[in-house]
C-alpha atoms as a PDB file:
ATOM      1  CA  UNK A   1       7.375  14.363   5.534  1.00  0.00           C
ATOM      2  CA  UNK A   2      10.072  11.428   5.540  1.00  0.00           C
ATOM      3  CA  UNK A   3      11.066  12.499   9.178  1.00  0.00           C
ATOM      4  CA  UNK A   4       7.463  12.694  10.280  1.00  0.00           C
ATOM      5  CA  UNK A   5       6.896   8.957   8.910  1.00  0.00           C
ATOM      6  CA  UNK A   6      10.034   7.561  10.537  1.00  0.00           C
ATOM      7  CA  UNK A   7       8.835   9.282  13.922  1.00  0.00           C
ATOM      8  CA  UNK A   8       6.006   6.655  13.909  1.00  0.00           C
ATOM      9  CA  UNK A   9       7.512   3.440  15.381  1.00  0.00           C
ATOM     10  CA  UNK A  10       4.390   1.484  15.834  1.00  0.00           C
ATOM     11  CA  UNK A  11       0.660   1.829  17.099  1.00  0.00           C
ATOM     12  CA  UNK A  12      -0.143   4.266  19.886  1.00  0.00           C
ATOM     13  CA  UNK A  13       0.244   2.417  23.024  1.00  0.00           C
ATOM     14  CA  UNK A  14       0.410  -0.909  21.271  1.00  0.00           C
ATOM     15  CA  UNK A  15       1.091  -2.766  24.436  1.00  0.00           C
ATOM     16  CA  UNK A  16      -2.453  -1.832  25.313  1.00  0.00           C
ATOM     17  CA  UNK A  17      -4.442  -3.278  22.379  1.00  0.00           C
ATOM     18  CA  UNK A  18      -7.712  -3.702  23.978  1.00  0.00           C
ATOM     19  CA  UNK A  19      -7.892  -0.386  25.969  1.00  0.00           C
ATOM     20  CA  UNK A  20     -10.814   1.387  24.748  1.00  0.00           C
ATOM     21  CA  UNK A  21      -9.605   4.729  25.853  1.00  0.00           C
ATOM     22  CA  UNK A  22      -6.793   4.885  23.479  1.00  0.00           C
ATOM     23  CA  UNK A  23      -8.339   3.396  20.478  1.00  0.00           C
ATOM     24  CA  UNK A  24      -9.535   6.496  18.793  1.00  0.00           C
ATOM     25  CA  UNK A  25      -6.216   8.191  19.113  1.00  0.00           C
ATOM     26  CA  UNK A  26      -4.233   5.156  17.905  1.00  0.00           C
ATOM     27  CA  UNK A  27      -6.741   5.065  14.756  1.00  0.00           C
ATOM     28  CA  UNK A  28      -6.112   8.990  14.302  1.00  0.00           C
ATOM     29  CA  UNK A  29      -2.328   8.777  14.369  1.00  0.00           C
ATOM     30  CA  UNK A  30      -2.176   5.565  12.053  1.00  0.00           C
ATOM     31  CA  UNK A  31      -4.450   7.561   9.496  1.00  0.00           C
ATOM     32  CA  UNK A  32      -2.160  10.515   9.869  1.00  0.00           C
ATOM     33  CA  UNK A  33       0.870   8.322   9.001  1.00  0.00           C
ATOM     34  CA  UNK A  34      -1.094   6.952   5.919  1.00  0.00           C
ATOM     35  CA  UNK A  35      -1.649  10.364   4.735  1.00  0.00           C
ATOM     36  CA  UNK A  36       1.885  11.290   4.992  1.00  0.00           C
ATOM     37  CA  UNK A  37       3.160   8.271   3.242  1.00  0.00           C
ATOM     38  CA  UNK A  38       0.835   8.619   0.406  1.00  0.00           C
ATOM     39  CA  UNK A  39       1.709  12.214   0.123  1.00  0.00           C
ATOM     40  CA  UNK A  40       5.335  11.276  -0.016  1.00  0.00           C
ATOM     41  CA  UNK A  41       4.696   8.417  -2.446  1.00  0.00           C
ATOM     42  CA  UNK A  42       3.042  10.792  -4.901  1.00  0.00           C
ATOM     43  CA  UNK A  43       5.834  13.491  -4.702  1.00  0.00           C
ATOM     44  CA  UNK A  44       8.441  10.656  -5.095  1.00  0.00           C
ATOM     45  CA  UNK A  45       6.826   9.124  -8.008  1.00  0.00           C
ATOM     46  CA  UNK A  46       6.430  12.697  -9.779  1.00  0.00           C
ATOM     47  CA  UNK A  47      10.214  13.092  -9.269  1.00  0.00           C
ATOM     48  CA  UNK A  48      10.853   9.633 -10.635  1.00  0.00           C
ATOM     49  CA  UNK A  49      12.295   8.088  -7.544  1.00  0.00           C
ATOM     50  CA  UNK A  50      10.385   4.761  -7.890  1.00  0.00           C
ATOM     51  CA  UNK A  51      12.479   2.857  -5.375  1.00  0.00           C
ATOM     52  CA  UNK A  52      11.535   5.209  -2.555  1.00  0.00           C
ATOM     53  CA  UNK A  53       7.921   5.328  -4.057  1.00  0.00           C
ATOM     54  CA  UNK A  54       7.870   1.483  -3.842  1.00  0.00           C
ATOM     55  CA  UNK A  55       8.959   1.638  -0.004  1.00  0.00           C
ATOM     56  CA  UNK A  56       6.255   4.132   0.709  1.00  0.00           C
ATOM     57  CA  UNK A  57       3.566   2.002  -0.737  1.00  0.00           C
ATOM     58  CA  UNK A  58       4.832  -1.127   0.998  1.00  0.00           C
ATOM     59  CA  UNK A  59       5.143   0.703   4.293  1.00  0.00           C
ATOM     60  CA  UNK A  60       1.509   1.508   3.640  1.00  0.00           C
ATOM     61  CA  UNK A  61       0.386  -1.990   2.969  1.00  0.00           C
ATOM     62  CA  UNK A  62       2.255  -3.264   6.108  1.00  0.00           C
ATOM     63  CA  UNK A  63      -0.010  -1.086   8.116  1.00  0.00           C
ATOM     64  CA  UNK A  64      -3.164  -1.942   6.169  1.00  0.00           C
ATOM     65  CA  UNK A  65      -2.751  -4.754   3.625  1.00  0.00           C
ATOM     66  CA  UNK A  66      -6.487  -3.854   2.407  1.00  0.00           C
ATOM     67  CA  UNK A  67      -5.665  -0.724   0.877  1.00  0.00           C
ATOM     68  CA  UNK A  68      -6.577  -1.780  -2.764  1.00  0.00           C
ATOM     69  CA  UNK A  69      -5.704   1.624  -4.370  1.00  0.00           C
ATOM     70  CA  UNK A  70      -2.424   1.247  -2.859  1.00  0.00           C
ATOM     71  CA  UNK A  71      -1.973  -2.155  -4.211  1.00  0.00           C
ATOM     72  CA  UNK A  72      -2.905  -0.901  -7.613  1.00  0.00           C
ATOM     73  CA  UNK A  73      -0.323   2.020  -7.454  1.00  0.00           C
ATOM     74  CA  UNK A  74       2.288  -0.135  -6.365  1.00  0.00           C
ATOM     75  CA  UNK A  75       1.433  -2.584  -9.224  1.00  0.00           C
ATOM     76  CA  UNK A  76       1.766   0.275 -11.715  1.00  0.00           C
ATOM     77  CA  UNK A  77       4.910   1.572 -10.453  1.00  0.00           C
ATOM     78  CA  UNK A  78       6.535  -1.922 -10.365  1.00  0.00           C
ATOM     79  CA  UNK A  79       5.326  -2.388 -13.890  1.00  0.00           C
ATOM     80  CA  UNK A  80       6.937   0.908 -14.982  1.00  0.00           C
ATOM     81  CA  UNK A  81      10.144  -0.209 -13.486  1.00  0.00           C
ATOM     82  CA  UNK A  82      10.174  -3.340 -15.411  1.00  0.00           C
ATOM     83  CA  UNK A  83       9.381  -5.401 -12.464  1.00  0.00           C
ATOM     84  CA  UNK A  84       6.084  -7.071 -14.063  1.00  0.00           C
ATOM     85  CA  UNK A  85       6.576 -10.228 -12.144  1.00  0.00           C
ATOM     86  CA  UNK A  86       6.702  -8.371  -8.775  1.00  0.00           C
ATOM     87  CA  UNK A  87       3.571  -6.484 -10.178  1.00  0.00           C
ATOM     88  CA  UNK A  88       1.655  -9.702 -10.693  1.00  0.00           C
ATOM     89  CA  UNK A  89       2.622 -10.962  -7.262  1.00  0.00           C
ATOM     90  CA  UNK A  90       1.347  -7.643  -5.827  1.00  0.00           C
ATOM     91  CA  UNK A  91      -2.020  -8.421  -7.479  1.00  0.00           C
ATOM     92  CA  UNK A  92      -2.108 -11.769  -5.637  1.00  0.00           C
ATOM     93  CA  UNK A  93      -1.142 -10.174  -2.329  1.00  0.00           C
ATOM     94  CA  UNK A  94      -3.980  -7.732  -2.824  1.00  0.00           C
ATOM     95  CA  UNK A  95      -6.349 -10.433  -4.051  1.00  0.00           C
ATOM     96  CA  UNK A  96      -5.573 -12.625  -1.045  1.00  0.00           C
ATOM     97  CA  UNK A  97      -5.865  -9.722   1.532  1.00  0.00           C
ATOM     98  CA  UNK A  98      -9.223  -8.770   0.240  1.00  0.00           C
ATOM     99  CA  UNK A  99     -10.535 -12.367   0.408  1.00  0.00           C
ATOM    100  CA  UNK A 100      -9.339 -12.958   3.843  1.00  0.00           C
ATOM    101  CA  UNK A 101     -10.466  -9.731   5.173  1.00  0.00           C
ATOM    102  CA  UNK A 102     -13.697  -9.134   3.540  1.00  0.00           C
ATOM    103  CA  UNK A 103     -14.387 -12.186   1.203  1.00  0.00           C
ATOM    104  CA  UNK A 104     -14.584  -9.832  -1.862  1.00  0.00           C
ATOM    105  CA  UNK A 105     -12.434  -9.819  -4.994  1.00  0.00           C
ATOM    106  CA  UNK A 106     -10.637  -6.831  -6.376  1.00  0.00           C
ATOM    107  CA  UNK A 107     -12.464  -4.114  -8.154  1.00  0.00           C
ATOM    108  CA  UNK A 108     -12.524  -3.976 -11.781  1.00  0.00           C
ATOM    109  CA  UNK A 109      -9.919  -1.370 -12.035  1.00  0.00           C
ATOM    110  CA  UNK A 110      -7.323  -3.579 -10.236  1.00  0.00           C
ATOM    111  CA  UNK A 111      -8.496  -6.486 -12.312  1.00  0.00           C
ATOM    112  CA  UNK A 112      -7.909  -4.531 -15.663  1.00  0.00           C
ATOM    113  CA  UNK A 113      -4.396  -3.418 -14.600  1.00  0.00           C
ATOM    114  CA  UNK A 114      -3.655  -6.987 -13.800  1.00  0.00           C
ATOM    115  CA  UNK A 115      -4.649  -8.166 -17.240  1.00  0.00           C
ATOM    116  CA  UNK A 116      -2.890  -5.290 -18.647  1.00  0.00           C
ATOM    117  CA  UNK A 117       0.400  -6.252 -17.049  1.00  0.00           C
ATOM    118  CA  UNK A 118      -0.169 -10.116 -17.803  1.00  0.00           C
ATOM    119  CA  UNK A 119      -0.556  -8.989 -21.513  1.00  0.00           C
ATOM    120  CA  UNK A 120       2.742  -7.097 -21.576  1.00  0.00           C
ATOM    121  CA  UNK A 121       4.597 -10.135 -20.267  1.00  0.00           C
ATOM    122  CA  UNK A 122       3.129 -12.410 -23.243  1.00  0.00           C
ATOM    123  CA  UNK A 123       4.272  -9.844 -25.926  1.00  0.00           C
END
């Protein structure tokens, strides 16, 4: 899966951003990459390779910064690694991306994780 993800070096025909004929294929390939990265992240996480897991999640968020479930998973992994401050910054990145793109706040699960991490810092 790692080799497959590394083969993706950018959007399909990215120098043709407004060509309607390639939009569908571009979207399909990007979705396939996100699927591969998510599966990789889950496997790496179950193996305890948190650094590689973090890299997978961050790459996914580079492709689509509004994937709230990925932000939440990344926050959780960062917290488990003792990187609570980074986890809180990730929440802020999530909140900002959602506000800018959709003018919405994070869902209750993301807010609850944020509060949980914040509470651990204050203990």
